Amino acid sequence: MIFENELIKQIIEKYRVIWALGHARALMSWDSQTYMPEEGVRERAIARSMLSVLAQKLILKPEFVELVDKASQIEDLNIYEKGIVRVLQRTIRIMKALPSEFIAEYSKVTQEAMLAWKQAKEKNDYNIFKPYLEKIIELSKKQAGYLGWEEHPYDALVDLYEEGLRTRDVDYILSRLKKEIKRVLDKIMSEKLYPLKHELEEIRYDPKVMEKINKEVLKLLGFPIGKRARLDISPHPFTQSMGIFDVRITTRYEGIDFKRTLMSTIHEYGHALYELQIDPALSTTPITGGVSLGIHEGQSRFWENIVGRSREFVEVIYPILRENLEFIVKYSPEEIYYYFNTVRPSLIRTEADEVTYNLHILLRAELEKLMVAGEIKADDLPELWNNMMEELLGVKPRNYSEGILQDIHWSMGNIGYFPTYTLGNLVAAQMRHHMLRESINISEAIRTKQFKIIQEWQKEKIHKWGKTFAPKELLRRAFGEEYNPDYFIKYLEEKYLKH
């Protein structure tokens, strides 16, 4: 048993009710984006709001707070018990800072905003979503005020998604990447090292066929569909963990350009793998689940890009593609590899290649900083978005749906979330570097379908710990360093400039 202290055991026992509420809210969230009828949002918004308030009341009960305070004074706690105290103290601090009426309003507005965003995107009408975004911006500014910050109000929000992250960290990483990405991109484009586009991007497919392919690829990777996992459909692909033994992913089928749904599925698999490989002893405790969105995104980007877009992986899945997609017979594995790795400035973040992807994040982070600082309003966003896209990537959205309305995140109130995507790219490249340094032959493991070698390494270094350590400490323990953009730049150079 990893929990030895009696006081910690008492805390965990009391916490299970709070965990159960989180479990229910997670299931509601998954259902809201998959199977819930549209009108169901009316009652679902109220139910989720009430459960959020109830969870806050339970975690702030004086006797529970007192137990956590008492535990924090104990010097000989083991690493897991210290993790319990750290996570609960942080949660209590956040919950104390946010008034219950704010939590209720935030939950209700975002639940309604998700439906408004969906309708706005479908109808290409920003005005449907704008009133909700105005409310969410104001709520985010209030939230930053309640939580407190030292240098920039954005600090308070990014810390919610990446414990210990600050605006200055985001600025340093993105400014460094901006310069290097533009250098690499210019060389790829000028020397035509990778194709700008591929004719397979225009070929239509049967969604039922692609669903079969996605499931076969997931089976190859060891994804336990039907036992501990599911694959479903949603407007925006996501992963939802109800716990260590129930992790669900979604994808979408657009009927054209099959790599979109395939890469999306592999991406979400990486998220799910993290949750599935957490030590079962942590189940239902405060330290179950991934420690942060940046670390989480590192797992998904590793599987999507470093594994999924590799030559070796294309060779492995080529028979599956050829058997199910009749048009594949015209293309060799090498041609499929270049189709998976087209490089071009594009409008849609989720479809961006790994060279240009972080420029999409830079745009969103800059706009979010301006929003929470009160320097711009919802009315300003479409034009600012379009102008920044042109400056960063040389492309300009033709409509709202491929511009300001393309992401679901702001409708969910997730302002401060986007920088974690770039952190994920850094962590993915960091893991690759340290695997190779430890003589893990990634290419050979993929070629021989020995994915377990990679999975076990990730489990030991990152996954099994759950939230035991804060993100930066976890990286220091695993790799002897924190977030380091150098490995990502080196990875891009090795793959795209020296192929």
Protein backbone atom coordinates (compact mmCIF):
# COMPACT_ATOMS: atom_id res chain seq x y z
CA MET A 1 0.00 0.00 0.00
CA ILE A 2 1.58 3.31 -1.07
CA PHE A 3 -0.41 5.37 1.45
CA GLU A 4 0.89 4.63 4.96
CA ASN A 5 -0.02 7.66 7.05
CA GLU A 6 -3.35 7.29 8.86
CA LEU A 7 -4.29 10.94 8.47
CA ILE A 8 -3.69 10.72 4.69
CA LYS A 9 -5.87 7.61 4.55
CA GLN A 10 -8.61 9.51 6.34
CA ILE A 11 -8.31 12.38 3.85
CA ILE A 12 -8.52 9.98 0.89
CA GLU A 13 -11.63 8.34 2.33
CA LYS A 14 -13.39 11.70 2.72
CA TYR A 15 -12.20 12.78 -0.72
CA ARG A 16 -13.96 9.88 -2.49
CA VAL A 17 -17.30 11.72 -2.43
CA ILE A 18 -15.64 14.69 -4.16
CA TRP A 19 -14.03 12.31 -6.65
CA ALA A 20 -17.45 10.72 -7.32
CA LEU A 21 -18.89 14.14 -8.18
CA GLY A 22 -15.98 14.70 -10.56
CA HIS A 23 -16.66 11.30 -12.11
CA ALA A 24 -20.30 12.25 -12.70
CA ARG A 25 -19.38 15.64 -14.15
CA ALA A 26 -16.85 13.99 -16.48
CA LEU A 27 -19.52 11.62 -17.75
CA MET A 28 -21.91 14.55 -18.26
CA SER A 29 -19.21 16.44 -20.17
CA TRP A 30 -18.53 13.47 -22.45
CA ASP A 31 -22.25 12.98 -23.08
CA SER A 32 -22.74 16.69 -23.80
CA GLN A 33 -20.32 16.46 -26.71
CA THR A 34 -21.36 13.06 -28.05
CA TYR A 35 -24.92 11.81 -27.58
CA MET A 36 -26.92 14.43 -25.68
CA PRO A 37 -29.83 15.94 -27.68
CA GLU A 38 -29.33 19.66 -28.32
CA GLU A 39 -32.22 20.73 -26.10
CA GLY A 40 -30.74 18.69 -23.26
CA VAL A 41 -28.37 21.58 -22.61
CA ARG A 42 -31.14 23.40 -20.72
CA GLU A 43 -31.18 20.94 -17.82
CA ARG A 44 -27.59 19.73 -18.22
CA ALA A 45 -26.28 23.25 -17.66
CA ILE A 46 -28.20 23.47 -14.38
CA ALA A 47 -27.14 20.00 -13.24
CA ARG A 48 -23.45 20.56 -13.93
CA SER A 49 -23.60 23.97 -12.30
CA MET A 50 -25.15 22.52 -9.14
CA LEU A 51 -22.61 19.68 -8.99
CA SER A 52 -19.75 22.18 -9.37
CA VAL A 53 -21.05 24.19 -6.43
CA LEU A 54 -21.56 21.04 -4.36
CA ALA A 55 -18.00 19.89 -5.04
CA GLN A 56 -16.73 23.28 -3.92
CA LYS A 57 -18.73 23.11 -0.68
CA LEU A 58 -17.40 19.62 0.10
CA ILE A 59 -13.77 20.48 -0.51
CA LEU A 60 -14.06 23.67 1.57
CA LYS A 61 -15.78 22.01 4.54
CA PRO A 62 -13.85 23.27 7.58
CA GLU A 63 -13.16 19.76 8.88
CA PHE A 64 -11.73 18.67 5.50
CA VAL A 65 -9.56 21.79 5.15
CA GLU A 66 -8.38 21.26 8.72
CA LEU A 67 -7.31 17.68 7.94
CA VAL A 68 -5.30 18.85 4.92
CA ASP A 69 -3.68 21.67 6.94
CA LYS A 70 -2.79 19.18 9.65
CA ALA A 71 -1.29 16.78 7.11
CA SER A 72 0.85 19.57 5.65
CA GLN A 73 2.64 19.86 9.00
CA ILE A 74 3.81 16.23 8.95
CA GLU A 75 7.46 15.98 7.91
CA ASP A 76 7.85 12.26 7.16
CA LEU A 77 5.19 11.81 4.47
CA ASN A 78 6.22 9.73 1.47
CA ILE A 79 6.24 11.18 -2.07
CA TYR A 80 2.65 10.08 -2.81
CA GLU A 81 1.33 11.51 0.44
CA LYS A 82 3.15 14.79 -0.20
CA GLY A 83 1.51 14.79 -3.63
CA ILE A 84 -1.91 14.41 -2.01
CA VAL A 85 -1.27 17.41 0.23
CA ARG A 86 0.12 19.56 -2.60
CA VAL A 87 -2.80 18.88 -4.94
CA LEU A 88 -5.44 19.43 -2.23
CA GLN A 89 -3.83 22.61 -0.91
CA ARG A 90 -3.77 23.99 -4.45
CA THR A 91 -7.40 22.98 -5.06
CA ILE A 92 -8.51 24.48 -1.74
CA ARG A 93 -6.67 27.72 -2.53
CA ILE A 94 -8.40 27.97 -5.92
CA MET A 95 -11.82 27.02 -4.55
CA LYS A 96 -11.54 29.49 -1.69
CA ALA A 97 -10.67 32.22 -4.13
CA LEU A 98 -13.69 31.60 -6.39
CA PRO A 99 -17.12 32.55 -4.98
CA SER A 100 -19.77 29.83 -5.35
CA GLU A 101 -22.01 32.17 -7.34
CA PHE A 102 -19.11 32.72 -9.76
CA ILE A 103 -18.61 28.95 -10.20
CA ALA A 104 -22.34 28.48 -10.81
CA GLU A 105 -22.45 31.29 -13.39
CA TYR A 106 -19.24 30.11 -15.09
CA SER A 107 -20.55 26.55 -15.40
CA LYS A 108 -23.93 27.65 -16.75
CA VAL A 109 -22.56 30.19 -19.24
CA THR A 110 -19.96 27.81 -20.67
CA GLN A 111 -22.46 24.96 -21.00
CA GLU A 112 -24.76 27.24 -23.03
CA ALA A 113 -21.82 28.76 -24.93
CA MET A 114 -20.70 25.38 -26.27
CA LEU A 115 -24.05 24.95 -28.03
CA ALA A 116 -23.94 28.55 -29.29
CA TRP A 117 -20.41 28.00 -30.64
CA LYS A 118 -21.49 24.84 -32.44
CA GLN A 119 -24.42 26.64 -34.08
CA ALA A 120 -22.29 29.69 -34.92
CA LYS A 121 -19.63 27.54 -36.57
CA GLU A 122 -22.19 25.58 -38.58
CA LYS A 123 -23.89 28.79 -39.78
CA ASN A 124 -20.66 30.80 -40.11
CA ASP A 125 -22.25 33.48 -37.91
CA TYR A 126 -19.98 35.01 -35.26
CA ASN A 127 -22.86 37.06 -33.84
CA ILE A 128 -24.50 33.89 -32.47
CA PHE A 129 -21.45 33.21 -30.31
CA LYS A 130 -20.22 36.76 -29.61
CA PRO A 131 -22.56 37.52 -26.63
CA TYR A 132 -21.37 34.35 -24.89
CA LEU A 133 -17.72 35.11 -25.62
CA GLU A 134 -18.21 38.60 -24.16
CA LYS A 135 -19.49 37.00 -20.95
CA ILE A 136 -16.65 34.46 -20.91
CA ILE A 137 -14.01 37.19 -21.32
CA GLU A 138 -15.51 39.12 -18.40
CA LEU A 139 -15.72 35.96 -16.29
CA SER A 140 -12.08 35.16 -17.11
CA LYS A 141 -10.98 38.63 -16.01
CA LYS A 142 -12.94 38.15 -12.78
CA GLN A 143 -11.42 34.71 -12.33
CA ALA A 144 -7.88 36.10 -12.67
CA GLY A 145 -8.75 38.77 -10.11
CA TYR A 146 -10.10 36.24 -7.64
CA LEU A 147 -7.09 33.92 -8.05
CA GLY A 148 -4.50 36.68 -7.90
CA TRP A 149 -1.36 37.27 -9.95
CA GLU A 150 1.98 39.06 -9.68
CA GLU A 151 3.11 40.09 -13.16
CA HIS A 152 0.17 39.63 -15.55
CA PRO A 153 -3.48 38.54 -15.09
CA TYR A 154 -2.82 35.78 -17.65
CA ASP A 155 -0.53 34.15 -15.04
CA ALA A 156 -3.54 33.17 -12.97
CA LEU A 157 -5.24 31.46 -15.90
CA VAL A 158 -2.31 29.56 -17.43
CA ASP A 159 -1.49 28.25 -13.95
CA LEU A 160 -4.92 26.58 -13.84
CA TYR A 161 -3.92 24.34 -16.75
CA GLU A 162 -0.19 24.08 -16.11
CA GLU A 163 0.72 24.33 -12.46
CA GLY A 164 3.63 26.75 -12.05
CA LEU A 165 3.54 28.13 -15.60
CA ARG A 166 3.78 31.91 -15.97
CA THR A 167 3.20 34.38 -18.80
CA ARG A 168 6.93 35.06 -19.00
CA ASP A 169 7.52 31.32 -19.61
CA VAL A 170 4.97 31.37 -22.42
CA ASP A 171 6.47 34.52 -23.95
CA TYR A 172 10.01 33.13 -23.86
CA ILE A 173 9.10 29.77 -25.40
CA LEU A 174 6.85 31.16 -28.14
CA SER A 175 9.19 34.00 -29.11
CA ARG A 176 12.10 31.55 -29.40
CA LEU A 177 10.05 29.12 -31.44
CA LYS A 178 8.66 31.85 -33.71
CA LYS A 179 12.12 32.76 -34.99
CA GLU A 180 13.33 29.18 -35.45
CA ILE A 181 10.09 27.91 -37.01
CA LYS A 182 10.13 30.68 -39.59
CA ARG A 183 13.75 29.77 -40.45
CA VAL A 184 12.95 26.06 -40.87
CA LEU A 185 9.73 26.78 -42.75
CA ASP A 186 11.43 29.16 -45.17
CA LYS A 187 14.05 26.53 -46.02
CA ILE A 188 11.45 23.77 -46.51
CA MET A 189 9.37 26.00 -48.77
CA SER A 190 12.22 27.49 -50.79
CA GLU A 191 13.95 24.15 -51.38
CA LYS A 192 10.67 22.18 -51.76
CA LEU A 193 11.87 19.57 -49.27
CA TYR A 194 8.31 18.46 -48.39
CA PRO A 195 5.15 18.84 -50.48
CA LEU A 196 2.79 21.76 -49.95
CA LYS A 197 -0.18 19.56 -50.71
CA HIS A 198 -1.03 16.06 -51.84
CA GLU A 199 -3.78 14.78 -54.10
CA LEU A 200 -4.94 12.38 -51.36
CA GLU A 201 -6.17 15.44 -49.47
CA GLU A 202 -8.94 15.77 -52.07
CA ILE A 203 -10.04 12.13 -52.16
CA ARG A 204 -13.26 11.25 -50.36
CA TYR A 205 -13.72 8.25 -48.09
CA ASP A 206 -16.59 6.37 -46.47
CA PRO A 207 -16.75 7.30 -42.75
CA LYS A 208 -17.73 3.70 -41.86
CA VAL A 209 -14.58 2.44 -43.56
CA MET A 210 -12.41 4.97 -41.74
CA GLU A 211 -14.03 4.03 -38.44
CA LYS A 212 -12.94 0.43 -39.09
CA ILE A 213 -9.40 1.57 -39.95
CA ASN A 214 -9.17 3.75 -36.84
CA LYS A 215 -10.23 0.84 -34.66
CA GLU A 216 -7.73 -1.50 -36.30
CA VAL A 217 -4.92 1.01 -35.77
CA LEU A 218 -5.97 1.48 -32.13
CA LYS A 219 -5.99 -2.31 -31.69
CA LEU A 220 -2.45 -2.41 -33.12
CA LEU A 221 -1.43 0.14 -30.47
CA GLY A 222 -3.10 -1.89 -27.71
CA PHE A 223 -6.03 0.45 -26.99
CA PRO A 224 -8.50 -1.62 -24.87
CA ILE A 225 -11.80 -0.77 -26.61
CA GLY A 226 -14.72 -2.39 -24.81
CA LYS A 227 -12.68 -3.16 -21.69
CA ARG A 228 -11.40 0.16 -20.43
CA ALA A 229 -11.94 2.45 -23.40
CA ARG A 230 -14.28 3.70 -26.15
CA LEU A 231 -14.01 5.46 -29.50
CA ASP A 232 -16.90 7.77 -30.45
CA ILE A 233 -17.64 10.79 -32.67
CA SER A 234 -17.82 14.48 -31.70
CA PRO A 235 -17.57 17.87 -33.47
CA HIS A 236 -14.18 18.47 -31.86
CA PRO A 237 -12.06 15.38 -30.97
CA PHE A 238 -11.29 15.00 -27.27
CA THR A 239 -10.37 12.55 -24.53
CA GLN A 240 -12.43 12.19 -21.37
CA SER A 241 -11.23 10.13 -18.45
CA MET A 242 -13.81 8.97 -15.89
CA GLY A 243 -10.98 7.23 -14.05
CA ILE A 244 -8.15 4.81 -14.66
CA PHE A 245 -10.52 2.10 -15.85
CA ASP A 246 -12.81 4.15 -18.12
CA VAL A 247 -11.12 6.42 -20.66
CA ARG A 248 -13.00 7.57 -23.77
CA ILE A 249 -11.75 9.22 -26.94
CA THR A 250 -13.54 10.73 -29.92
CA THR A 251 -12.70 11.60 -33.50
CA ARG A 252 -14.58 13.18 -36.38
CA TYR A 253 -15.19 12.06 -39.95
CA GLU A 254 -15.33 14.77 -42.57
CA GLY A 255 -15.48 12.39 -45.54
CA ILE A 256 -12.36 13.79 -47.19
CA ASP A 257 -8.59 13.74 -46.52
CA PHE A 258 -8.41 10.59 -44.38
CA LYS A 259 -5.24 11.56 -42.53
CA ARG A 260 -7.25 14.12 -40.54
CA THR A 261 -9.34 11.55 -38.71
CA LEU A 262 -6.50 9.02 -38.50
CA MET A 263 -4.04 11.47 -36.94
CA SER A 264 -6.75 12.86 -34.68
CA THR A 265 -7.49 9.34 -33.42
CA ILE A 266 -3.81 8.59 -32.77
CA HIS A 267 -3.47 11.96 -31.02
CA GLU A 268 -6.34 11.19 -28.64
CA TYR A 269 -4.91 7.71 -28.10
CA GLY A 270 -1.78 9.36 -26.69
CA HIS A 271 -3.92 11.26 -24.17
CA ALA A 272 -5.80 8.11 -23.24
CA LEU A 273 -2.62 6.06 -22.82
CA TYR A 274 -1.44 8.47 -20.13
CA GLU A 275 -4.63 7.98 -18.11
CA LEU A 276 -4.66 4.20 -18.66
CA GLN A 277 -1.07 3.78 -17.45
CA ILE A 278 -1.43 5.63 -14.15
CA ASP A 279 -0.69 3.40 -11.15
CA PRO A 280 -4.03 1.76 -10.18
CA ALA A 281 -3.14 2.40 -6.52
CA LEU A 282 -3.85 6.08 -7.19
CA SER A 283 -7.43 5.43 -8.35
CA THR A 284 -10.11 7.68 -6.75
CA THR A 285 -7.44 9.74 -4.93
CA PRO A 286 -6.56 13.42 -5.51
CA ILE A 287 -3.41 12.41 -7.44
CA THR A 288 -5.08 10.24 -10.08
CA GLY A 289 -5.18 11.67 -13.61
CA GLY A 290 -2.58 13.50 -15.67
CA VAL A 291 -0.67 16.21 -13.83
CA SER A 292 -1.17 18.98 -16.39
CA LEU A 293 -2.35 19.73 -19.89
CA GLY A 294 1.17 20.41 -21.16
CA ILE A 295 2.47 17.05 -19.97
CA HIS A 296 -0.72 15.45 -21.30
CA GLU A 297 -0.31 17.08 -24.71
CA GLY A 298 3.27 15.81 -24.81
CA GLN A 299 1.95 12.26 -24.81
CA SER A 300 -0.58 12.87 -27.58
CA ARG A 301 1.84 14.81 -29.80
CA PHE A 302 4.46 12.10 -29.36
CA TRP A 303 2.10 9.42 -30.65
CA GLU A 304 0.56 11.55 -33.38
CA ASN A 305 3.75 13.07 -34.78
CA ILE A 306 6.85 11.18 -33.71
CA VAL A 307 5.18 7.78 -34.08
CA GLY A 308 2.15 8.32 -36.35
CA ARG A 309 3.87 10.43 -39.00
CA SER A 310 7.04 8.34 -39.15
CA ARG A 311 8.08 6.26 -42.18
CA GLU A 312 8.13 3.16 -40.01
CA PHE A 313 4.54 3.63 -38.85
CA VAL A 314 3.35 4.19 -42.42
CA GLU A 315 4.95 0.85 -43.38
CA VAL A 316 3.22 -0.85 -40.45
CA ILE A 317 -0.29 0.44 -41.18
CA TYR A 318 0.02 0.39 -44.98
CA PRO A 319 -1.58 -3.10 -45.30
CA ILE A 320 -4.57 -1.89 -43.22
CA LEU A 321 -5.00 1.15 -45.45
CA ARG A 322 -4.62 -0.81 -48.67
CA GLU A 323 -7.09 -3.47 -47.60
CA ASN A 324 -9.82 -0.97 -46.70
CA LEU A 325 -9.29 2.05 -48.98
CA GLU A 326 -9.35 1.00 -52.61
CA PHE A 327 -7.63 4.19 -53.78
CA ILE A 328 -4.50 3.46 -51.73
CA VAL A 329 -3.29 0.88 -54.28
CA LYS A 330 -2.07 3.78 -56.44
CA TYR A 331 0.28 5.06 -53.72
CA SER A 332 3.45 3.60 -52.21
CA PRO A 333 4.24 3.80 -48.47
CA GLU A 334 6.76 6.55 -49.28
CA GLU A 335 4.05 8.59 -51.00
CA ILE A 336 1.74 8.06 -48.00
CA TYR A 337 4.56 9.29 -45.75
CA TYR A 338 4.77 12.56 -47.69
CA TYR A 339 0.98 12.83 -47.62
CA PHE A 340 1.10 12.54 -43.82
CA ASN A 341 3.84 15.18 -43.71
CA THR A 342 2.80 17.96 -46.05
CA VAL A 343 4.11 21.32 -44.86
CA ARG A 344 2.28 24.54 -45.62
CA PRO A 345 0.90 27.58 -43.84
CA SER A 346 -2.75 26.70 -43.17
CA LEU A 347 -5.85 28.20 -41.61
CA ILE A 348 -6.97 25.43 -39.24
CA ARG A 349 -4.94 24.67 -36.09
CA THR A 350 -6.06 21.05 -35.77
CA GLU A 351 -4.97 20.37 -39.35
CA ALA A 352 -1.67 22.23 -39.12
CA ASP A 353 1.59 20.37 -39.74
CA GLU A 354 4.09 20.03 -36.94
CA VAL A 355 6.33 22.75 -38.40
CA THR A 356 3.73 25.53 -38.41
CA TYR A 357 1.50 24.35 -35.54
CA ASN A 358 3.05 26.48 -32.81
CA LEU A 359 2.45 29.68 -34.78
CA HIS A 360 -1.29 28.97 -34.38
CA ILE A 361 -0.72 28.76 -30.62
CA LEU A 362 1.25 31.99 -30.58
CA LEU A 363 -1.72 33.79 -32.17
CA ARG A 364 -4.20 32.45 -29.60
CA ALA A 365 -1.93 33.13 -26.63
CA GLU A 366 -1.37 36.73 -27.74
CA LEU A 367 -5.12 37.32 -28.12
CA GLU A 368 -5.86 35.72 -24.75
CA LYS A 369 -3.33 37.95 -23.00
CA LEU A 370 -4.97 41.01 -24.54
CA MET A 371 -8.45 39.76 -23.58
CA VAL A 372 -7.73 39.23 -19.90
CA ALA A 373 -5.74 42.46 -19.69
CA GLY A 374 -8.86 44.29 -20.92
CA GLU A 375 -7.07 45.65 -24.00
CA ILE A 376 -9.44 44.13 -26.57
CA LYS A 377 -13.11 43.11 -26.71
CA ALA A 378 -15.07 40.37 -28.47
CA ASP A 379 -15.91 42.83 -31.26
CA ASP A 380 -12.19 43.23 -32.06
CA LEU A 381 -11.31 39.55 -32.24
CA PRO A 382 -12.26 38.50 -35.81
CA GLU A 383 -10.24 41.26 -37.46
CA LEU A 384 -7.27 40.83 -35.11
CA TRP A 385 -7.34 37.07 -35.69
CA ASN A 386 -7.34 37.50 -39.47
CA ASN A 387 -4.55 40.08 -39.44
CA MET A 388 -2.34 37.97 -37.17
CA MET A 389 -2.89 34.89 -39.33
CA GLU A 390 -1.69 36.86 -42.33
CA GLU A 391 1.35 38.18 -40.47
CA LEU A 392 2.40 34.84 -38.95
CA LEU A 393 1.46 32.40 -41.70
CA GLY A 394 0.71 34.44 -44.78
CA VAL A 395 -2.87 33.18 -45.03
CA LYS A 396 -6.14 34.92 -44.20
CA PRO A 397 -9.47 33.26 -43.20
CA ARG A 398 -12.26 33.67 -45.74
CA ASN A 399 -14.98 33.30 -43.11
CA TYR A 400 -15.61 33.04 -39.37
CA SER A 401 -15.74 29.23 -39.30
CA GLU A 402 -12.16 28.86 -40.51
CA GLY A 403 -11.04 31.80 -38.39
CA ILE A 404 -12.25 32.94 -34.99
CA LEU A 405 -14.85 30.13 -34.66
CA GLN A 406 -12.64 27.15 -35.45
CA ASP A 407 -11.85 26.09 -31.85
CA ILE A 408 -14.27 25.01 -29.12
CA HIS A 409 -11.96 26.06 -26.25
CA TRP A 410 -13.17 29.60 -25.59
CA SER A 411 -16.79 28.41 -25.51
CA MET A 412 -15.73 26.08 -22.68
CA GLY A 413 -14.14 28.99 -20.84
CA ASN A 414 -10.68 27.54 -21.37
CA ILE A 415 -8.73 30.78 -21.67
CA GLY A 416 -5.13 30.01 -20.75
CA TYR A 417 -5.33 26.50 -22.19
CA PHE A 418 -3.73 27.02 -25.62
CA PRO A 419 -0.07 27.48 -24.50
CA THR A 420 -0.16 23.92 -23.16
CA TYR A 421 -0.33 22.66 -26.75
CA THR A 422 3.09 24.13 -27.44
CA LEU A 423 4.40 22.75 -24.15
CA GLY A 424 3.16 19.38 -25.41
CA ASN A 425 5.26 19.68 -28.55
CA LEU A 426 8.30 20.47 -26.41
CA VAL A 427 7.66 17.52 -24.08
CA ALA A 428 7.15 15.13 -27.02
CA ALA A 429 10.52 16.10 -28.51
CA GLN A 430 12.09 15.99 -25.04
CA MET A 431 10.85 12.42 -24.53
CA ARG A 432 12.20 11.43 -27.94
CA HIS A 433 15.62 12.90 -27.11
CA HIS A 434 15.87 11.11 -23.78
CA MET A 435 14.59 7.80 -25.17
CA LEU A 436 17.31 7.88 -27.82
CA ARG A 437 19.85 8.92 -25.20
CA GLU A 438 18.86 5.85 -23.17
CA SER A 439 19.32 3.65 -26.25
CA ILE A 440 15.61 3.15 -26.93
CA ASN A 441 15.50 2.57 -30.69
CA ILE A 442 12.18 4.25 -31.46
CA SER A 443 12.27 3.51 -35.19
CA GLU A 444 12.96 -0.19 -34.64
CA ALA A 445 10.26 -0.48 -31.98
CA ILE A 446 7.71 0.99 -34.41
CA ARG A 447 8.92 -1.08 -37.38
CA THR A 448 8.61 -4.34 -35.39
CA LYS A 449 5.31 -3.27 -33.77
CA GLN A 450 6.94 -3.39 -30.32
CA PHE A 451 4.97 -0.40 -29.10
CA LYS A 452 5.13 -1.78 -25.57
CA ILE A 453 8.79 -0.74 -25.37
CA ILE A 454 7.80 2.91 -25.84
CA GLN A 455 4.70 2.62 -23.66
CA GLU A 456 6.61 1.09 -20.75
CA TRP A 457 9.28 3.80 -20.91
CA GLN A 458 6.58 6.49 -20.84
CA LYS A 459 4.83 4.70 -18.01
CA GLU A 460 7.93 4.60 -15.83
CA LYS A 461 9.06 8.17 -16.55
CA ILE A 462 5.72 10.01 -16.68
CA HIS A 463 2.44 8.10 -16.65
CA LYS A 464 2.43 5.98 -13.50
CA TRP A 465 3.00 9.00 -11.24
CA GLY A 466 -0.30 10.72 -12.03
CA LYS A 467 -0.26 14.05 -10.18
CA THR A 468 2.25 12.95 -7.55
CA PHE A 469 4.72 15.62 -8.69
CA ALA A 470 4.10 19.12 -10.06
CA PRO A 471 4.83 19.36 -13.82
CA LYS A 472 8.25 21.00 -13.63
CA GLU A 473 9.36 18.65 -10.84
CA LEU A 474 8.16 15.64 -12.83
CA LEU A 475 10.27 16.75 -15.80
CA ARG A 476 13.29 17.34 -13.57
CA ARG A 477 12.94 13.86 -12.09
CA ALA A 478 12.41 12.23 -15.49
CA PHE A 479 14.93 14.19 -17.59
CA GLY A 480 16.98 16.37 -15.25
CA GLU A 481 15.53 19.56 -16.76
CA GLU A 482 12.31 21.54 -17.24
CA TYR A 483 10.63 22.57 -20.53
CA ASN A 484 13.34 22.92 -23.17
CA PRO A 485 12.50 24.18 -26.70
CA ASP A 486 15.92 23.15 -28.09
CA TYR A 487 14.93 19.50 -28.62
CA PHE A 488 11.86 20.44 -30.62
CA ILE A 489 13.88 22.71 -32.91
CA LYS A 490 16.49 19.98 -33.32
CA TYR A 491 13.75 17.44 -34.13
CA LEU A 492 12.31 19.68 -36.87
CA GLU A 493 15.76 20.21 -38.37
CA GLU A 494 16.58 16.48 -38.35
CA LYS A 495 13.27 15.43 -39.87
CA TYR A 496 12.57 18.21 -42.33
CA LEU A 497 15.97 19.60 -43.32
CA LYS A 498 18.09 16.42 -43.29
CA HIS A 499 15.62 13.79 -44.50
